[in-house]
Amino acid sequence: MHLRRLLGLLAFVTGSAWAGAQKYEPLAASVQAALHAAVADRAAPEPHFSSMQEKIAWLSEMSRRLEKRIPDRHGRLEFLKTVYYEAQRAGLDPQLVLGLIQVESGFRKYAVSGAGARGYMQVMPFWVKLIGTRDNNLFHLRTNLRYGCTILRHYLDIENGNIYRALGRYNGSLGAPEYPNMVRGAWEKHWSWGTRYIQPR
């Protein structure tokens, strides 16, 4: 328990990547097509909140929490809007996605793990070949978040909504508790907001 807390604190303070390494698994053609459609959608990333008051409150509070990590206010707000939009689009809690990014990359856009995972959500390059197009740049903010949220949603669907097993798959550590517990800890301690939800599919 002490080691897990230490690793979580280290990831938050130093910005080191947890080195996510999703594992290649063959996909049925229908699943591959659905995932390709999900990452190919180019709709404008304007998140939908229940009210303008909620939007202002969420962006203000999350911006305050993220200020030390992303000092530029404009860049920080663009990042948060994109996180919210892509999480919402995939039926994920935006705060869960923030917790995952904290653990995976420490909010570093150009983070690269020892396994080759890239960007904020530490997406493995094989996903581009599997469901994307050759010009998909995993260091591009929206592309990285689109892939990361789509992949996590895919794993949630495989695991029938079991967040712990889905996170284990996302990190390539299915069955081990450390990574899911670190993401949950970051989610609850640093990014909690209102009611947590994972939208069923």
Foldseek 3Di string as FASTA:
>chain_A
DVVLVVLLVCLQVVQAFPQFDFDDDDDDPVLLAVLLVQLPDDDDLAADDPDPVVVVVQLVVVCVLCCVVPVDSVVSSVLLSLLRSLCVVLQFFSLLLVLQLSHGGSQDLAHAHPNGQGGSNRHHPVSCVRRHDPPQDCSDRNSVSSNNSSQLSVLCVVVVNPNQQSQCNRRVNGPDRSRSVSSVCSSPPRRDDPDGGGDGD
